[in-house]
Amino acid sequence: TSLLNTPWALIIPYTVSALPTTIFIMIGF
């Protein structure tokens, strides 16, 4: 997708990796 060496190359993986844990916590609330 030609995203290497762009800020999105880190923002997207970081966001995706954070979703399972944050969803797990928020569902209880």
PDB file of all heavy atoms in Angstrom:
ATOM      1  N   THR A   1       0.813  -1.223   0.000  1.00  0.00           N
ATOM      2  CA  THR A   1       0.000   0.000   0.000  1.00  0.00           C
ATOM      3  C   THR A   1       0.845   1.272   0.000  1.00  0.00           C
ATOM      4  O   THR A   1       0.308   2.376   0.149  1.00  0.00           O
ATOM      5  CB  THR A   1      -0.923   0.010   1.234  1.00  0.00           C
ATOM      6  OG1 THR A   1      -0.143  -0.179   2.411  1.00  0.00           O
ATOM      7  CG2 THR A   1      -1.971  -1.093   1.122  1.00  0.00           C
ATOM      8  N   SER A   2       2.160   1.118  -0.150  1.00  0.00           N
ATOM      9  CA  SER A   2       3.097   2.258  -0.219  1.00  0.00           C
ATOM     10  C   SER A   2       3.038   3.136   1.027  1.00  0.00           C
ATOM     11  O   SER A   2       3.173   4.362   0.956  1.00  0.00           O
ATOM     12  CB  SER A   2       2.814   3.106  -1.468  1.00  0.00           C
ATOM     13  OG  SER A   2       2.951   2.337  -2.640  1.00  0.00           O
ATOM     14  N   LEU A   3       2.860   2.507   2.187  1.00  0.00           N
ATOM     15  CA  LEU A   3       2.801   3.243   3.441  1.00  0.00           C
ATOM     16  C   LEU A   3       4.091   3.151   4.258  1.00  0.00           C
ATOM     17  O   LEU A   3       4.190   3.803   5.306  1.00  0.00           O
ATOM     18  CB  LEU A   3       1.626   2.735   4.299  1.00  0.00           C
ATOM     19  CG  LEU A   3       0.233   3.057   3.763  1.00  0.00           C
ATOM     20  CD1 LEU A   3      -0.826   2.426   4.665  1.00  0.00           C
ATOM     21  CD2 LEU A   3       0.016   4.560   3.658  1.00  0.00           C
ATOM     22  N   LEU A   4       5.046   2.358   3.792  1.00  0.00           N
ATOM     23  CA  LEU A   4       6.321   2.305   4.498  1.00  0.00           C
ATOM     24  C   LEU A   4       7.000   3.671   4.474  1.00  0.00           C
ATOM     25  O   LEU A   4       6.873   4.431   3.514  1.00  0.00           O
ATOM     26  CB  LEU A   4       7.241   1.255   3.863  1.00  0.00           C
ATOM     27  CG  LEU A   4       6.867  -0.212   4.080  1.00  0.00           C
ATOM     28  CD1 LEU A   4       7.817  -1.120   3.307  1.00  0.00           C
ATOM     29  CD2 LEU A   4       6.893  -0.573   5.562  1.00  0.00           C
ATOM     30  N   ASN A   5       7.716   3.967   5.555  1.00  0.00           N
ATOM     31  CA  ASN A   5       8.399   5.253   5.689  1.00  0.00           C
ATOM     32  C   ASN A   5       7.434   6.439   5.654  1.00  0.00           C
ATOM     33  O   ASN A   5       7.750   7.512   5.124  1.00  0.00           O
ATOM     34  CB  ASN A   5       9.468   5.429   4.600  1.00  0.00           C
ATOM     35  CG  ASN A   5      10.721   4.656   4.920  1.00  0.00           C
ATOM     36  OD1 ASN A   5      11.152   4.590   6.066  1.00  0.00           O
ATOM     37  ND2 ASN A   5      11.314   4.054   3.902  1.00  0.00           N
ATOM     38  N   THR A   6       6.246   6.211   6.205  1.00  0.00           N
ATOM     39  CA  THR A   6       5.282   7.285   6.419  1.00  0.00           C
ATOM     40  C   THR A   6       4.780   7.185   7.861  1.00  0.00           C
ATOM     41  O   THR A   6       4.877   6.120   8.483  1.00  0.00           O
ATOM     42  CB  THR A   6       4.083   7.188   5.459  1.00  0.00           C
ATOM     43  OG1 THR A   6       3.316   6.023   5.788  1.00  0.00           O
ATOM     44  CG2 THR A   6       4.553   7.116   4.010  1.00  0.00           C
ATOM     45  N   PRO A   7       4.245   8.258   8.416  1.00  0.00           N
ATOM     46  CA  PRO A   7       3.710   8.168   9.784  1.00  0.00           C
ATOM     47  C   PRO A   7       2.646   7.096   9.952  1.00  0.00           C
ATOM     48  O   PRO A   7       2.524   6.485  11.021  1.00  0.00           O
ATOM     49  CB  PRO A   7       3.131   9.575  10.011  1.00  0.00           C
ATOM     50  CG  PRO A   7       3.953  10.465   9.131  1.00  0.00           C
ATOM     51  CD  PRO A   7       4.238   9.640   7.901  1.00  0.00           C
ATOM     52  N   TRP A   8       1.869   6.831   8.883  1.00  0.00           N
ATOM     53  CA  TRP A   8       0.811   5.827   8.981  1.00  0.00           C
ATOM     54  C   TRP A   8       1.356   4.419   9.128  1.00  0.00           C
ATOM     55  O   TRP A   8       0.636   3.515   9.559  1.00  0.00           O
ATOM     56  CB  TRP A   8      -0.111   5.908   7.770  1.00  0.00           C
ATOM     57  CG  TRP A   8      -0.865   7.187   7.716  1.00  0.00           C
ATOM     58  CD1 TRP A   8      -0.657   8.242   6.871  1.00  0.00           C
ATOM     59  CD2 TRP A   8      -1.947   7.581   8.570  1.00  0.00           C
ATOM     60  NE1 TRP A   8      -1.533   9.265   7.130  1.00  0.00           N
ATOM     61  CE2 TRP A   8      -2.345   8.887   8.175  1.00  0.00           C
ATOM     62  CE3 TRP A   8      -2.614   6.962   9.625  1.00  0.00           C
ATOM     63  CZ2 TRP A   8      -3.372   9.562   8.806  1.00  0.00           C
ATOM     64  CZ3 TRP A   8      -3.646   7.646  10.253  1.00  0.00           C
ATOM     65  CH2 TRP A   8      -4.021   8.921   9.844  1.00  0.00           C
ATOM     66  N   ALA A   9       2.624   4.225   8.778  1.00  0.00           N
ATOM     67  CA  ALA A   9       3.231   2.902   8.940  1.00  0.00           C
ATOM     68  C   ALA A   9       3.312   2.500  10.405  1.00  0.00           C
ATOM     69  O   ALA A   9       3.425   1.305  10.724  1.00  0.00           O
ATOM     70  CB  ALA A   9       4.629   2.888   8.315  1.00  0.00           C
ATOM     71  N   LEU A  10       3.274   3.469  11.303  1.00  0.00           N
ATOM     72  CA  LEU A  10       3.262   3.176  12.739  1.00  0.00           C
ATOM     73  C   LEU A  10       1.899   3.417  13.364  1.00  0.00           C
ATOM     74  O   LEU A  10       1.468   2.667  14.237  1.00  0.00           O
ATOM     75  CB  LEU A  10       4.319   4.024  13.459  1.00  0.00           C
ATOM     76  CG  LEU A  10       5.777   3.732  13.091  1.00  0.00           C
ATOM     77  CD1 LEU A  10       6.700   4.627  13.900  1.00  0.00           C
ATOM     78  CD2 LEU A  10       6.122   2.277  13.334  1.00  0.00           C
ATOM     79  N   ILE A  11       1.216   4.448  12.918  1.00  0.00           N
ATOM     80  CA  ILE A  11      -0.068   4.791  13.529  1.00  0.00           C
ATOM     81  C   ILE A  11      -1.080   3.660  13.333  1.00  0.00           C
ATOM     82  O   ILE A  11      -1.792   3.279  14.278  1.00  0.00           O
ATOM     83  CB  ILE A  11      -0.603   6.110  12.938  1.00  0.00           C
ATOM     84  CG1 ILE A  11       0.294   7.279  13.351  1.00  0.00           C
ATOM     85  CG2 ILE A  11      -2.043   6.359  13.393  1.00  0.00           C
ATOM     86  CD1 ILE A  11      -0.066   8.589  12.686  1.00  0.00           C
ATOM     87  N   ILE A  12      -1.148   3.108  12.135  1.00  0.00           N
ATOM     88  CA  ILE A  12      -2.128   2.042  11.866  1.00  0.00           C
ATOM     89  C   ILE A  12      -1.834   0.791  12.681  1.00  0.00           C
ATOM     90  O   ILE A  12      -2.735   0.266  13.367  1.00  0.00           O
ATOM     91  CB  ILE A  12      -2.192   1.743  10.352  1.00  0.00           C
ATOM     92  CG1 ILE A  12      -2.758   2.949   9.600  1.00  0.00           C
ATOM     93  CG2 ILE A  12      -3.050   0.504  10.083  1.00  0.00           C
ATOM     94  CD1 ILE A  12      -2.750   2.795   8.089  1.00  0.00           C
ATOM     95  N   PRO A  13      -0.604   0.228  12.652  1.00  0.00           N
ATOM     96  CA  PRO A  13      -0.341  -0.957  13.487  1.00  0.00           C
ATOM     97  C   PRO A  13      -0.523  -0.701  14.980  1.00  0.00           C
ATOM     98  O   PRO A  13      -1.034  -1.573  15.701  1.00  0.00           O
ATOM     99  CB  PRO A  13       1.116  -1.298  13.157  1.00  0.00           C
ATOM    100  CG  PRO A  13       1.353  -0.703  11.815  1.00  0.00           C
ATOM    101  CD  PRO A  13       0.549   0.540  11.793  1.00  0.00           C
ATOM    102  N   TYR A  14      -0.109   0.451  15.463  1.00  0.00           N
ATOM    103  CA  TYR A  14      -0.282   0.768  16.880  1.00  0.00           C
ATOM    104  C   TYR A  14      -1.766   0.796  17.248  1.00  0.00           C
ATOM    105  O   TYR A  14      -2.174   0.297  18.302  1.00  0.00           O
ATOM    106  CB  TYR A  14       0.344   2.126  17.208  1.00  0.00           C
ATOM    107  CG  TYR A  14       1.855   2.148  17.205  1.00  0.00           C
ATOM    108  CD1 TYR A  14       2.554   3.357  17.291  1.00  0.00           C
ATOM    109  CD2 TYR A  14       2.601   0.970  17.117  1.00  0.00           C
ATOM    110  CE1 TYR A  14       3.944   3.392  17.300  1.00  0.00           C
ATOM    111  CE2 TYR A  14       3.987   1.004  17.114  1.00  0.00           C
ATOM    112  CZ  TYR A  14       4.648   2.212  17.203  1.00  0.00           C
ATOM    113  OH  TYR A  14       6.021   2.244  17.213  1.00  0.00           O
ATOM    114  N   THR A  15      -2.575   1.413  16.388  1.00  0.00           N
ATOM    115  CA  THR A  15      -4.008   1.505  16.665  1.00  0.00           C
ATOM    116  C   THR A  15      -4.659   0.127  16.667  1.00  0.00           C
ATOM    117  O   THR A  15      -5.436  -0.203  17.571  1.00  0.00           O
ATOM    118  CB  THR A  15      -4.683   2.400  15.618  1.00  0.00           C
ATOM    119  OG1 THR A  15      -4.096   3.703  15.643  1.00  0.00           O
ATOM    120  CG2 THR A  15      -6.171   2.510  15.889  1.00  0.00           C
ATOM    121  N   VAL A  16      -4.339  -0.664  15.666  1.00  0.00           N
ATOM    122  CA  VAL A  16      -4.936  -2.001  15.563  1.00  0.00           C
ATOM    123  C   VAL A  16      -4.532  -2.873  16.750  1.00  0.00           C
ATOM    124  O   VAL A  16      -5.361  -3.606  17.313  1.00  0.00           O
ATOM    125  CB  VAL A  16      -4.524  -2.666  14.228  1.00  0.00           C
ATOM    126  CG1 VAL A  16      -4.978  -4.122  14.186  1.00  0.00           C
ATOM    127  CG2 VAL A  16      -5.112  -1.893  13.052  1.00  0.00           C
ATOM    128  N   SER A  17      -3.281  -2.821  17.147  1.00  0.00           N
ATOM    129  CA  SER A  17      -2.822  -3.638  18.272  1.00  0.00           C
ATOM    130  C   SER A  17      -3.441  -3.202  19.594  1.00  0.00           C
ATOM    131  O   SER A  17      -3.533  -3.996  20.537  1.00  0.00           O
ATOM    132  CB  SER A  17      -1.298  -3.584  18.370  1.00  0.00           C
ATOM    133  OG  SER A  17      -0.851  -2.264  18.636  1.00  0.00           O
ATOM    134  N   ALA A  18      -3.881  -1.948  19.680  1.00  0.00           N
ATOM    135  CA  ALA A  18      -4.485  -1.448  20.922  1.00  0.00           C
ATOM    136  C   ALA A  18      -5.965  -1.790  21.030  1.00  0.00           C
ATOM    137  O   ALA A  18      -6.518  -1.803  22.143  1.00  0.00           O
ATOM    138  CB  ALA A  18      -4.303   0.066  21.015  1.00  0.00           C
ATOM    139  N   LEU A  19      -6.629  -2.058  19.919  1.00  0.00           N
ATOM    140  CA  LEU A  19      -8.080  -2.248  19.931  1.00  0.00           C
ATOM    141  C   LEU A  19      -8.561  -3.406  20.808  1.00  0.00           C
ATOM    142  O   LEU A  19      -9.514  -3.226  21.581  1.00  0.00           O
ATOM    143  CB  LEU A  19      -8.591  -2.430  18.495  1.00  0.00           C
ATOM    144  CG  LEU A  19      -8.572  -1.177  17.618  1.00  0.00           C
ATOM    145  CD1 LEU A  19      -9.079  -1.505  16.222  1.00  0.00           C
ATOM    146  CD2 LEU A  19      -9.422  -0.078  18.232  1.00  0.00           C
ATOM    147  N   PRO A  20      -7.981  -4.620  20.733  1.00  0.00           N
ATOM    148  CA  PRO A  20      -8.532  -5.719  21.538  1.00  0.00           C
ATOM    149  C   PRO A  20      -8.572  -5.429  23.035  1.00  0.00           C
ATOM    150  O   PRO A  20      -9.592  -5.659  23.690  1.00  0.00           O
ATOM    151  CB  PRO A  20      -7.577  -6.887  21.220  1.00  0.00           C
ATOM    152  CG  PRO A  20      -7.023  -6.573  19.880  1.00  0.00           C
ATOM    153  CD  PRO A  20      -6.893  -5.086  19.848  1.00  0.00           C
ATOM    154  N   THR A  21      -7.481  -4.901  23.576  1.00  0.00           N
ATOM    155  CA  THR A  21      -7.440  -4.633  25.012  1.00  0.00           C
ATOM    156  C   THR A  21      -8.393  -3.519  25.406  1.00  0.00           C
ATOM    157  O   THR A  21      -9.119  -3.624  26.406  1.00  0.00           O
ATOM    158  CB  THR A  21      -6.010  -4.258  25.439  1.00  0.00           C
ATOM    159  OG1 THR A  21      -5.112  -5.302  25.075  1.00  0.00           O
ATOM    160  CG2 THR A  21      -5.940  -4.046  26.943  1.00  0.00           C
ATOM    161  N   THR A  22      -8.422  -2.442  24.630  1.00  0.00           N
ATOM    162  CA  THR A  22      -9.299  -1.322  24.968  1.00  0.00           C
ATOM    163  C   THR A  22     -10.770  -1.716  24.846  1.00  0.00           C
ATOM    164  O   THR A  22     -11.596  -1.311  25.676  1.00  0.00           O
ATOM    165  CB  THR A  22      -8.995  -0.116  24.069  1.00  0.00           C
ATOM    166  OG1 THR A  22      -9.022  -0.524  22.689  1.00  0.00           O
ATOM    167  CG2 THR A  22      -7.630   0.450  24.364  1.00  0.00           C
ATOM    168  N   ILE A  23     -11.103  -2.493  23.847  1.00  0.00           N
ATOM    169  CA  ILE A  23     -12.491  -2.960  23.696  1.00  0.00           C
ATOM    170  C   ILE A  23     -12.866  -3.865  24.862  1.00  0.00           C
ATOM    171  O   ILE A  23     -13.979  -3.769  25.416  1.00  0.00           O
ATOM    172  CB  ILE A  23     -12.672  -3.692  22.352  1.00  0.00           C
ATOM    173  CG1 ILE A  23     -12.580  -2.689  21.198  1.00  0.00           C
ATOM    174  CG2 ILE A  23     -14.005  -4.438  22.299  1.00  0.00           C
ATOM    175  CD1 ILE A  23     -12.569  -3.326  19.830  1.00  0.00           C
ATOM    176  N   PHE A  24     -11.967  -4.745  25.245  1.00  0.00           N
ATOM    177  CA  PHE A  24     -12.221  -5.661  26.364  1.00  0.00           C
ATOM    178  C   PHE A  24     -12.539  -4.891  27.646  1.00  0.00           C
ATOM    179  O   PHE A  24     -13.442  -5.260  28.408  1.00  0.00           O
ATOM    180  CB  PHE A  24     -11.003  -6.562  26.563  1.00  0.00           C
ATOM    181  CG  PHE A  24     -11.138  -7.526  27.698  1.00  0.00           C
ATOM    182  CD1 PHE A  24     -11.904  -8.668  27.570  1.00  0.00           C
ATOM    183  CD2 PHE A  24     -10.497  -7.289  28.905  1.00  0.00           C
ATOM    184  CE1 PHE A  24     -12.041  -9.565  28.618  1.00  0.00           C
ATOM    185  CE2 PHE A  24     -10.620  -8.164  29.963  1.00  0.00           C
ATOM    186  CZ  PHE A  24     -11.390  -9.313  29.818  1.00  0.00           C
ATOM    187  N   ILE A  25     -11.819  -3.804  27.895  1.00  0.00           N
ATOM    188  CA  ILE A  25     -12.055  -3.007  29.102  1.00  0.00           C
ATOM    189  C   ILE A  25     -13.341  -2.192  28.988  1.00  0.00           C
ATOM    190  O   ILE A  25     -14.149  -2.135  29.921  1.00  0.00           O
ATOM    191  CB  ILE A  25     -10.850  -2.089  29.366  1.00  0.00           C
ATOM    192  CG1 ILE A  25      -9.605  -2.928  29.684  1.00  0.00           C
ATOM    193  CG2 ILE A  25     -11.139  -1.119  30.512  1.00  0.00           C
ATOM    194  CD1 ILE A  25      -8.332  -2.118  29.816  1.00  0.00           C
ATOM    195  N   MET A  26     -13.546  -1.555  27.830  1.00  0.00           N
ATOM    196  CA  MET A  26     -14.698  -0.663  27.690  1.00  0.00           C
ATOM    197  C   MET A  26     -16.028  -1.401  27.685  1.00  0.00           C
ATOM    198  O   MET A  26     -17.048  -0.858  28.138  1.00  0.00           O
ATOM    199  CB  MET A  26     -14.556   0.155  26.403  1.00  0.00           C
ATOM    200  CG  MET A  26     -13.525   1.260  26.487  1.00  0.00           C
ATOM    201  SD  MET A  26     -13.597   2.332  25.041  1.00  0.00           S
ATOM    202  CE  MET A  26     -12.220   3.429  25.382  1.00  0.00           C
ATOM    203  N   ILE A  27     -16.051  -2.614  27.184  1.00  0.00           N
ATOM    204  CA  ILE A  27     -17.312  -3.359  27.143  1.00  0.00           C
ATOM    205  C   ILE A  27     -17.889  -3.531  28.539  1.00  0.00           C
ATOM    206  O   ILE A  27     -19.099  -3.414  28.755  1.00  0.00           O
ATOM    207  CB  ILE A  27     -17.099  -4.729  26.453  1.00  0.00           C
ATOM    208  CG1 ILE A  27     -17.056  -4.535  24.943  1.00  0.00           C
ATOM    209  CG2 ILE A  27     -18.204  -5.706  26.815  1.00  0.00           C
ATOM    210  CD1 ILE A  27     -16.827  -5.802  24.165  1.00  0.00           C
ATOM    211  N   GLY A  28     -17.023  -3.807  29.506  1.00  0.00           N
ATOM    212  CA  GLY A  28     -17.496  -3.962  30.876  1.00  0.00           C
ATOM    213  C   GLY A  28     -18.144  -2.697  31.412  1.00  0.00           C
ATOM    214  O   GLY A  28     -19.160  -2.753  32.122  1.00  0.00           O
ATOM    215  N   PHE A  29     -17.603  -1.538  31.061  1.00  0.00           N
ATOM    216  CA  PHE A  29     -18.184  -0.270  31.514  1.00  0.00           C
ATOM    217  C   PHE A  29     -19.508   0.008  30.813  1.00  0.00           C
ATOM    218  O   PHE A  29     -20.466   0.465  31.455  1.00  0.00           O
ATOM    219  CB  PHE A  29     -17.202   0.868  31.251  1.00  0.00           C
ATOM    220  CG  PHE A  29     -16.130   0.999  32.293  1.00  0.00           C
ATOM    221  CD1 PHE A  29     -15.014   0.171  32.287  1.00  0.00           C
ATOM    222  CD2 PHE A  29     -16.239   1.942  33.299  1.00  0.00           C
ATOM    223  CE1 PHE A  29     -14.029   0.292  33.248  1.00  0.00           C
ATOM    224  CE2 PHE A  29     -15.263   2.078  34.266  1.00  0.00           C
ATOM    225  CZ  PHE A  29     -14.156   1.240  34.247  1.00  0.00           C
TER     226      PHE A  29
END
